[in-house]
């Protein structure tokens, strides 16, 4: 990823039981640079992702997110996406 890549951010509100499924869906999209799970103003998990590493890290990522989901009720997922050149 070069420093000239443009990114955009999106915030998704989820409940604890939706958290793992939504993160799994986002990781499989492939254009995600970073996922941050927050509860209120507190950051619970910050997951930097790269396209090359996404497949290799899915199991530990989902384990961490699952642990957070067990403790959290309402969360926000902040998603940083790479804008694909047209």
PDB file of N, CA and C in Angstrom:
ATOM      1  N   UNK A   1       0.836  -1.175   0.000  1.00  0.00           N
ATOM      2  CA  UNK A   1       0.000   0.000   0.000  1.00  0.00           C
ATOM      3  C   UNK A   1       0.877   1.233   0.000  1.00  0.00           C
ATOM      4  N   UNK A   2       0.639   2.075  -0.921  1.00  0.00           N
ATOM      5  CA  UNK A   2       1.456   3.273  -0.998  1.00  0.00           C
ATOM      6  C   UNK A   2       0.811   4.404  -0.227  1.00  0.00           C
ATOM      7  N   UNK A   3       1.624   5.393   0.128  1.00  0.00           N
ATOM      8  CA  UNK A   3       1.118   6.524   0.893  1.00  0.00           C
ATOM      9  C   UNK A   3       0.208   7.408   0.054  1.00  0.00           C
ATOM     10  N   UNK A   4       0.193   7.225  -1.273  1.00  0.00           N
ATOM     11  CA  UNK A   4      -0.660   8.030  -2.138  1.00  0.00           C
ATOM     12  C   UNK A   4      -2.079   7.474  -2.239  1.00  0.00           C
ATOM     13  N   UNK A   5      -2.331   6.304  -1.666  1.00  0.00           N
ATOM     14  CA  UNK A   5      -3.674   5.738  -1.695  1.00  0.00           C
ATOM     15  C   UNK A   5      -4.615   6.579  -0.860  1.00  0.00           C
ATOM     16  N   UNK A   6      -5.813   6.770  -1.378  1.00  0.00           N
ATOM     17  CA  UNK A   6      -6.816   7.515  -0.637  1.00  0.00           C
ATOM     18  C   UNK A   6      -7.685   6.534   0.133  1.00  0.00           C
ATOM     19  N   UNK A   7      -8.134   6.986   1.294  1.00  0.00           N
ATOM     20  CA  UNK A   7      -8.994   6.142   2.113  1.00  0.00           C
ATOM     21  C   UNK A   7     -10.255   6.907   2.486  1.00  0.00           C
ATOM     22  N   UNK A   8     -11.240   6.164   2.900  1.00  0.00           N
ATOM     23  CA  UNK A   8     -12.477   6.730   3.409  1.00  0.00           C
ATOM     24  C   UNK A   8     -12.820   5.995   4.696  1.00  0.00           C
ATOM     25  N   UNK A   9     -13.587   6.644   5.573  1.00  0.00           N
ATOM     26  CA  UNK A   9     -13.968   6.004   6.833  1.00  0.00           C
ATOM     27  C   UNK A   9     -15.479   5.899   6.928  1.00  0.00           C
ATOM     28  N   UNK A  10     -15.916   4.832   7.570  1.00  0.00           N
ATOM     29  CA  UNK A  10     -17.334   4.565   7.752  1.00  0.00           C
ATOM     30  C   UNK A  10     -17.526   4.061   9.176  1.00  0.00           C
ATOM     31  N   UNK A  11     -18.625   4.438   9.802  1.00  0.00           N
ATOM     32  CA  UNK A  11     -18.947   3.943  11.140  1.00  0.00           C
ATOM     33  C   UNK A  11     -20.200   3.094  11.042  1.00  0.00           C
ATOM     34  N   UNK A  12     -20.128   1.880  11.588  1.00  0.00           N
ATOM     35  CA  UNK A  12     -21.248   0.946  11.563  1.00  0.00           C
ATOM     36  C   UNK A  12     -21.615   0.620  13.005  1.00  0.00           C
ATOM     37  N   UNK A  13     -22.873   0.801  13.373  1.00  0.00           N
ATOM     38  CA  UNK A  13     -23.351   0.469  14.717  1.00  0.00           C
ATOM     39  C   UNK A  13     -23.855  -0.970  14.723  1.00  0.00           C
ATOM     40  N   UNK A  14     -23.411  -1.748  15.697  1.00  0.00           N
ATOM     41  CA  UNK A  14     -23.835  -3.144  15.817  1.00  0.00           C
ATOM     42  C   UNK A  14     -24.042  -3.490  17.286  1.00  0.00           C
ATOM     43  N   UNK A  15     -24.769  -4.576  17.518  1.00  0.00           N
ATOM     44  CA  UNK A  15     -24.872  -5.121  18.866  1.00  0.00           C
ATOM     45  C   UNK A  15     -23.807  -6.200  19.016  1.00  0.00           C
ATOM     46  N   UNK A  16     -23.561  -6.623  20.234  1.00  0.00           N
ATOM     47  CA  UNK A  16     -22.517  -7.608  20.497  1.00  0.00           C
ATOM     48  C   UNK A  16     -22.668  -8.881  19.693  1.00  0.00           C
ATOM     49  N   UNK A  17     -23.917  -9.367  19.535  1.00  0.00           N
ATOM     50  CA  UNK A  17     -24.113 -10.623  18.807  1.00  0.00           C
ATOM     51  C   UNK A  17     -23.953 -10.469  17.297  1.00  0.00           C
ATOM     52  N   UNK A  18     -23.956  -9.258  16.766  1.00  0.00           N
ATOM     53  CA  UNK A  18     -23.741  -9.017  15.336  1.00  0.00           C
ATOM     54  C   UNK A  18     -22.269  -8.746  15.013  1.00  0.00           C
ATOM     55  N   UNK A  19     -21.478  -8.490  16.027  1.00  0.00           N
ATOM     56  CA  UNK A  19     -20.114  -7.996  15.848  1.00  0.00           C
ATOM     57  C   UNK A  19     -19.225  -8.948  15.045  1.00  0.00           C
ATOM     58  N   UNK A  20     -19.167 -10.204  15.431  1.00  0.00           N
ATOM     59  CA  UNK A  20     -18.274 -11.161  14.762  1.00  0.00           C
ATOM     60  C   UNK A  20     -18.667 -11.330  13.295  1.00  0.00           C
ATOM     61  N   UNK A  21     -19.964 -11.482  13.027  1.00  0.00           N
ATOM     62  CA  UNK A  21     -20.409 -11.664  11.643  1.00  0.00           C
ATOM     63  C   UNK A  21     -20.073 -10.455  10.782  1.00  0.00           C
ATOM     64  N   UNK A  22     -20.252  -9.256  11.316  1.00  0.00           N
ATOM     65  CA  UNK A  22     -19.978  -8.045  10.543  1.00  0.00           C
ATOM     66  C   UNK A  22     -18.481  -7.901  10.274  1.00  0.00           C
ATOM     67  N   UNK A  23     -17.639  -8.167  11.274  1.00  0.00           N
ATOM     68  CA  UNK A  23     -16.188  -8.082  11.074  1.00  0.00           C
ATOM     69  C   UNK A  23     -15.745  -9.125  10.051  1.00  0.00           C
ATOM     70  N   UNK A  24     -16.288 -10.334  10.131  1.00  0.00           N
ATOM     71  CA  UNK A  24     -15.954 -11.387   9.164  1.00  0.00           C
ATOM     72  C   UNK A  24     -16.314 -10.924   7.745  1.00  0.00           C
ATOM     73  N   UNK A  25     -17.485 -10.335   7.596  1.00  0.00           N
ATOM     74  CA  UNK A  25     -17.920  -9.821   6.292  1.00  0.00           C
ATOM     75  C   UNK A  25     -16.975  -8.725   5.781  1.00  0.00           C
ATOM     76  N   UNK A  26     -16.583  -7.817   6.662  1.00  0.00           N
ATOM     77  CA  UNK A  26     -15.692  -6.720   6.271  1.00  0.00           C
ATOM     78  C   UNK A  26     -14.311  -7.224   5.862  1.00  0.00           C
ATOM     79  N   UNK A  27     -13.764  -8.170   6.606  1.00  0.00           N
ATOM     80  CA  UNK A  27     -12.433  -8.707   6.294  1.00  0.00           C
ATOM     81  C   UNK A  27     -12.436  -9.357   4.912  1.00  0.00           C
ATOM     82  N   UNK A  28     -13.519 -10.041   4.577  1.00  0.00           N
ATOM     83  CA  UNK A  28     -13.590 -10.719   3.278  1.00  0.00           C
ATOM     84  C   UNK A  28     -13.782  -9.758   2.107  1.00  0.00           C
ATOM     85  N   UNK A  29     -14.156  -8.511   2.369  1.00  0.00           N
ATOM     86  CA  UNK A  29     -14.304  -7.533   1.287  1.00  0.00           C
ATOM     87  C   UNK A  29     -12.964  -7.238   0.616  1.00  0.00           C
ATOM     88  N   UNK A  30     -11.876  -7.248   1.378  1.00  0.00           N
ATOM     89  CA  UNK A  30     -10.552  -7.120   0.796  1.00  0.00           C
ATOM     90  C   UNK A  30     -10.023  -5.712   0.625  1.00  0.00           C
ATOM     91  N   UNK A  31     -10.849  -4.686   0.724  1.00  0.00           N
ATOM     92  CA  UNK A  31     -10.356  -3.319   0.541  1.00  0.00           C
ATOM     93  C   UNK A  31     -10.302  -2.555   1.864  1.00  0.00           C
ATOM     94  N   UNK A  32     -10.237  -3.285   2.964  1.00  0.00           N
ATOM     95  CA  UNK A  32     -10.229  -2.686   4.296  1.00  0.00           C
ATOM     96  C   UNK A  32      -8.791  -2.524   4.761  1.00  0.00           C
ATOM     97  N   UNK A  33      -8.444  -1.343   5.213  1.00  0.00           N
ATOM     98  CA  UNK A  33      -7.102  -1.093   5.737  1.00  0.00           C
ATOM     99  C   UNK A  33      -7.076  -1.278   7.260  1.00  0.00           C
ATOM    100  N   UNK A  34      -8.134  -0.852   7.942  1.00  0.00           N
ATOM    101  CA  UNK A  34      -8.146  -0.912   9.403  1.00  0.00           C
ATOM    102  C   UNK A  34      -9.586  -1.053   9.887  1.00  0.00           C
ATOM    103  N   UNK A  35      -9.775  -1.871  10.926  1.00  0.00           N
ATOM    104  CA  UNK A  35     -11.059  -2.000  11.606  1.00  0.00           C
ATOM    105  C   UNK A  35     -10.816  -1.672  13.069  1.00  0.00           C
ATOM    106  N   UNK A  36     -11.623  -0.758  13.603  1.00  0.00           N
ATOM    107  CA  UNK A  36     -11.540  -0.392  15.011  1.00  0.00           C
ATOM    108  C   UNK A  36     -12.902  -0.636  15.645  1.00  0.00           C
ATOM    109  N   UNK A  37     -12.935  -1.395  16.738  1.00  0.00           N
ATOM    110  CA  UNK A  37     -14.180  -1.647  17.460  1.00  0.00           C
ATOM    111  C   UNK A  37     -14.177  -0.767  18.695  1.00  0.00           C
ATOM    112  N   UNK A  38     -15.230   0.035  18.833  1.00  0.00           N
ATOM    113  CA  UNK A  38     -15.324   0.967  19.955  1.00  0.00           C
ATOM    114  C   UNK A  38     -16.637   0.755  20.690  1.00  0.00           C
ATOM    115  N   UNK A  39     -16.608   1.066  21.969  1.00  0.00           N
ATOM    116  CA  UNK A  39     -17.831   1.119  22.764  1.00  0.00           C
ATOM    117  C   UNK A  39     -17.829   2.499  23.393  1.00  0.00           C
ATOM    118  N   UNK A  40     -18.720   3.354  22.919  1.00  0.00           N
ATOM    119  CA  UNK A  40     -18.686   4.750  23.331  1.00  0.00           C
ATOM    120  C   UNK A  40     -17.413   5.386  22.802  1.00  0.00           C
ATOM    121  N   UNK A  41     -16.664   6.047  23.683  1.00  0.00           N
ATOM    122  CA  UNK A  41     -15.397   6.673  23.289  1.00  0.00           C
ATOM    123  C   UNK A  41     -14.203   5.743  23.475  1.00  0.00           C
ATOM    124  N   UNK A  42     -14.435   4.563  24.013  1.00  0.00           N
ATOM    125  CA  UNK A  42     -13.350   3.636  24.347  1.00  0.00           C
ATOM    126  C   UNK A  42     -13.071   2.664  23.200  1.00  0.00           C
ATOM    127  N   UNK A  43     -11.815   2.596  22.772  1.00  0.00           N
ATOM    128  CA  UNK A  43     -11.407   1.641  21.743  1.00  0.00           C
ATOM    129  C   UNK A  43     -11.202   0.282  22.397  1.00  0.00           C
ATOM    130  N   UNK A  44     -11.929  -0.732  21.908  1.00  0.00           N
ATOM    131  CA  UNK A  44     -11.818  -2.080  22.449  1.00  0.00           C
ATOM    132  C   UNK A  44     -10.802  -2.918  21.673  1.00  0.00           C
ATOM    133  N   UNK A  45     -10.828  -2.813  20.346  1.00  0.00           N
ATOM    134  CA  UNK A  45      -9.916  -3.572  19.489  1.00  0.00           C
ATOM    135  C   UNK A  45      -9.599  -2.722  18.266  1.00  0.00           C
ATOM    136  N   UNK A  46      -8.326  -2.690  17.888  1.00  0.00           N
ATOM    137  CA  UNK A  46      -7.918  -2.022  16.654  1.00  0.00           C
ATOM    138  C   UNK A  46      -7.157  -3.036  15.812  1.00  0.00           C
ATOM    139  N   UNK A  47      -7.646  -3.278  14.603  1.00  0.00           N
ATOM    140  CA  UNK A  47      -7.103  -4.326  13.751  1.00  0.00           C
ATOM    141  C   UNK A  47      -6.610  -3.748  12.432  1.00  0.00           C
ATOM    142  N   UNK A  48      -5.302  -3.550  12.286  1.00  0.00           N
ATOM    143  CA  UNK A  48      -4.789  -3.128  10.983  1.00  0.00           C
ATOM    144  C   UNK A  48      -4.788  -4.333  10.039  1.00  0.00           C
ATOM    145  N   UNK A  49      -5.286  -4.147   8.840  1.00  0.00           N
ATOM    146  CA  UNK A  49      -5.363  -5.242   7.877  1.00  0.00           C
ATOM    147  C   UNK A  49      -4.677  -4.840   6.586  1.00  0.00           C
ATOM    148  N   UNK A  50      -4.106  -5.824   5.916  1.00  0.00           N
ATOM    149  CA  UNK A  50      -3.602  -5.615   4.563  1.00  0.00           C
ATOM    150  C   UNK A  50      -4.171  -6.726   3.707  1.00  0.00           C
ATOM    151  N   UNK A  51      -4.247  -6.486   2.437  1.00  0.00           N
ATOM    152  CA  UNK A  51      -4.797  -7.488   1.530  1.00  0.00           C
ATOM    153  C   UNK A  51      -4.025  -8.797   1.614  1.00  0.00           C
ATOM    154  N   UNK A  52      -2.718  -8.719   1.675  1.00  0.00           N
ATOM    155  CA  UNK A  52      -1.896  -9.929   1.712  1.00  0.00           C
ATOM    156  C   UNK A  52      -2.069 -10.709   3.008  1.00  0.00           C
ATOM    157  N   UNK A  53      -2.273 -10.004   4.102  1.00  0.00           N
ATOM    158  CA  UNK A  53      -2.349 -10.664   5.403  1.00  0.00           C
ATOM    159  C   UNK A  53      -3.763 -11.053   5.794  1.00  0.00           C
ATOM    160  N   UNK A  54      -4.764 -10.560   5.106  1.00  0.00           N
ATOM    161  CA  UNK A  54      -6.152 -10.770   5.528  1.00  0.00           C
ATOM    162  C   UNK A  54      -6.498 -12.246   5.679  1.00  0.00           C
ATOM    163  N   UNK A  55      -6.085 -13.081   4.748  1.00  0.00           N
ATOM    164  CA  UNK A  55      -6.395 -14.498   4.835  1.00  0.00           C
ATOM    165  C   UNK A  55      -5.694 -15.186   5.989  1.00  0.00           C
ATOM    166  N   UNK A  56      -4.477 -14.794   6.270  1.00  0.00           N
ATOM    167  CA  UNK A  56      -3.677 -15.448   7.305  1.00  0.00           C
ATOM    168  C   UNK A  56      -4.109 -15.075   8.714  1.00  0.00           C
ATOM    169  N   UNK A  57      -4.720 -13.905   8.882  1.00  0.00           N
ATOM    170  CA  UNK A  57      -5.024 -13.461  10.241  1.00  0.00           C
ATOM    171  C   UNK A  57      -6.493 -13.567  10.616  1.00  0.00           C
ATOM    172  N   UNK A  58      -7.319 -14.136   9.775  1.00  0.00           N
ATOM    173  CA  UNK A  58      -8.750 -14.150  10.046  1.00  0.00           C
ATOM    174  C   UNK A  58      -9.096 -14.890  11.341  1.00  0.00           C
ATOM    175  N   UNK A  59      -8.483 -16.016  11.631  1.00  0.00           N
ATOM    176  CA  UNK A  59      -8.823 -16.769  12.840  1.00  0.00           C
ATOM    177  C   UNK A  59      -8.499 -15.999  14.116  1.00  0.00           C
ATOM    178  N   UNK A  60      -7.281 -15.467  14.288  1.00  0.00           N
ATOM    179  CA  UNK A  60      -7.006 -14.694  15.503  1.00  0.00           C
ATOM    180  C   UNK A  60      -7.856 -13.425  15.611  1.00  0.00           C
ATOM    181  N   UNK A  61      -8.151 -12.810  14.470  1.00  0.00           N
ATOM    182  CA  UNK A  61      -8.993 -11.609  14.475  1.00  0.00           C
ATOM    183  C   UNK A  61     -10.372 -11.950  15.005  1.00  0.00           C
ATOM    184  N   UNK A  62     -10.953 -13.012  14.496  1.00  0.00           N
ATOM    185  CA  UNK A  62     -12.293 -13.389  14.933  1.00  0.00           C
ATOM    186  C   UNK A  62     -12.308 -13.845  16.384  1.00  0.00           C
ATOM    187  N   UNK A  63     -11.233 -14.446  16.854  1.00  0.00           N
ATOM    188  CA  UNK A  63     -11.138 -14.814  18.267  1.00  0.00           C
ATOM    189  C   UNK A  63     -11.149 -13.570  19.144  1.00  0.00           C
ATOM    190  N   UNK A  64     -10.363 -12.568  18.772  1.00  0.00           N
ATOM    191  CA  UNK A  64     -10.322 -11.312  19.536  1.00  0.00           C
ATOM    192  C   UNK A  64     -11.665 -10.605  19.495  1.00  0.00           C
ATOM    193  N   UNK A  65     -12.268 -10.545  18.326  1.00  0.00           N
ATOM    194  CA  UNK A  65     -13.562  -9.876  18.191  1.00  0.00           C
ATOM    195  C   UNK A  65     -14.635 -10.641  18.959  1.00  0.00           C
ATOM    196  N   UNK A  66     -14.569 -11.960  18.951  1.00  0.00           N
ATOM    197  CA  UNK A  66     -15.524 -12.768  19.711  1.00  0.00           C
ATOM    198  C   UNK A  66     -15.432 -12.513  21.204  1.00  0.00           C
ATOM    199  N   UNK A  67     -14.224 -12.344  21.713  1.00  0.00           N
ATOM    200  CA  UNK A  67     -14.040 -12.025  23.134  1.00  0.00           C
ATOM    201  C   UNK A  67     -14.644 -10.669  23.464  1.00  0.00           C
ATOM    202  N   UNK A  68     -14.463  -9.706  22.573  1.00  0.00           N
ATOM    203  CA  UNK A  68     -15.047  -8.375  22.771  1.00  0.00           C
ATOM    204  C   UNK A  68     -16.566  -8.467  22.715  1.00  0.00           C
ATOM    205  N   UNK A  69     -17.093  -9.222  21.762  1.00  0.00           N
ATOM    206  CA  UNK A  69     -18.541  -9.348  21.598  1.00  0.00           C
ATOM    207  C   UNK A  69     -19.192  -9.941  22.839  1.00  0.00           C
ATOM    208  N   UNK A  70     -18.491 -10.847  23.516  1.00  0.00           N
ATOM    209  CA  UNK A  70     -19.031 -11.454  24.726  1.00  0.00           C
ATOM    210  C   UNK A  70     -19.197 -10.438  25.846  1.00  0.00           C
ATOM    211  N   UNK A  71     -18.385  -9.391  25.835  1.00  0.00           N
ATOM    212  CA  UNK A  71     -18.413  -8.385  26.892  1.00  0.00           C
ATOM    213  C   UNK A  71     -19.194  -7.130  26.518  1.00  0.00           C
ATOM    214  N   UNK A  72     -19.380  -6.885  25.245  1.00  0.00           N
ATOM    215  CA  UNK A  72     -19.962  -5.624  24.787  1.00  0.00           C
ATOM    216  C   UNK A  72     -21.419  -5.816  24.392  1.00  0.00           C
ATOM    217  N   UNK A  73     -22.195  -4.759  24.564  1.00  0.00           N
ATOM    218  CA  UNK A  73     -23.579  -4.799  24.114  1.00  0.00           C
ATOM    219  C   UNK A  73     -23.734  -4.012  22.823  1.00  0.00           C
ATOM    220  N   UNK A  74     -23.534  -2.720  22.868  1.00  0.00           N
ATOM    221  CA  UNK A  74     -23.624  -1.886  21.668  1.00  0.00           C
ATOM    222  C   UNK A  74     -22.242  -1.372  21.321  1.00  0.00           C
ATOM    223  N   UNK A  75     -21.841  -1.569  20.078  1.00  0.00           N
ATOM    224  CA  UNK A  75     -20.507  -1.178  19.630  1.00  0.00           C
ATOM    225  C   UNK A  75     -20.600  -0.404  18.330  1.00  0.00           C
ATOM    226  N   UNK A  76     -19.511   0.271  18.019  1.00  0.00           N
ATOM    227  CA  UNK A  76     -19.335   0.898  16.713  1.00  0.00           C
ATOM    228  C   UNK A  76     -18.126   0.253  16.065  1.00  0.00           C
ATOM    229  N   UNK A  77     -18.236  -0.022  14.786  1.00  0.00           N
ATOM    230  CA  UNK A  77     -17.100  -0.504  14.011  1.00  0.00           C
ATOM    231  C   UNK A  77     -16.691   0.639  13.098  1.00  0.00           C
ATOM    232  N   UNK A  78     -15.476   1.135  13.288  1.00  0.00           N
ATOM    233  CA  UNK A  78     -14.945   2.167  12.403  1.00  0.00           C
ATOM    234  C   UNK A  78     -14.127   1.459  11.336  1.00  0.00           C
ATOM    235  N   UNK A  79     -14.494   1.664  10.092  1.00  0.00           N
ATOM    236  CA  UNK A  79     -13.877   0.964   8.973  1.00  0.00           C
ATOM    237  C   UNK A  79     -13.133   1.969   8.111  1.00  0.00           C
ATOM    238  N   UNK A  80     -11.841   1.733   7.901  1.00  0.00           N
ATOM    239  CA  UNK A  80     -11.052   2.550   6.983  1.00  0.00           C
ATOM    240  C   UNK A  80     -10.856   1.734   5.715  1.00  0.00           C
ATOM    241  N   UNK A  81     -11.406   2.230   4.616  1.00  0.00           N
ATOM    242  CA  UNK A  81     -11.351   1.534   3.333  1.00  0.00           C
ATOM    243  C   UNK A  81     -10.405   2.244   2.375  1.00  0.00           C
ATOM    244  N   UNK A  82      -9.741   1.471   1.546  1.00  0.00           N
ATOM    245  CA  UNK A  82      -8.919   2.019   0.472  1.00  0.00           C
ATOM    246  C   UNK A  82      -9.847   2.303  -0.703  1.00  0.00           C
ATOM    247  N   UNK A  83      -9.757   3.513  -1.239  1.00  0.00           N
ATOM    248  CA  UNK A  83     -10.548   3.874  -2.412  1.00  0.00           C
ATOM    249  C   UNK A  83      -9.822   3.346  -3.639  1.00  0.00           C
ATOM    250  N   UNK A  84     -10.486   2.465  -4.359  1.00  0.00           N
ATOM    251  CA  UNK A  84      -9.889   1.842  -5.540  1.00  0.00           C
ATOM    252  C   UNK A  84      -9.837   2.848  -6.681  1.00  0.00           C
ATOM    253  N   UNK A  85      -8.694   2.962  -7.373  1.00  0.00           N
ATOM    254  CA  UNK A  85      -8.628   3.860  -8.532  1.00  0.00           C
ATOM    255  C   UNK A  85      -9.520   3.338  -9.651  1.00  0.00           C
ATOM    256  N   UNK A  86     -10.109   4.252 -10.374  1.00  0.00           N
ATOM    257  CA  UNK A  86     -11.023   3.859 -11.467  1.00  0.00           C
ATOM    258  C   UNK A  86     -10.299   3.758 -12.770  1.00  0.00           C
TER     259      UNK A  86
END
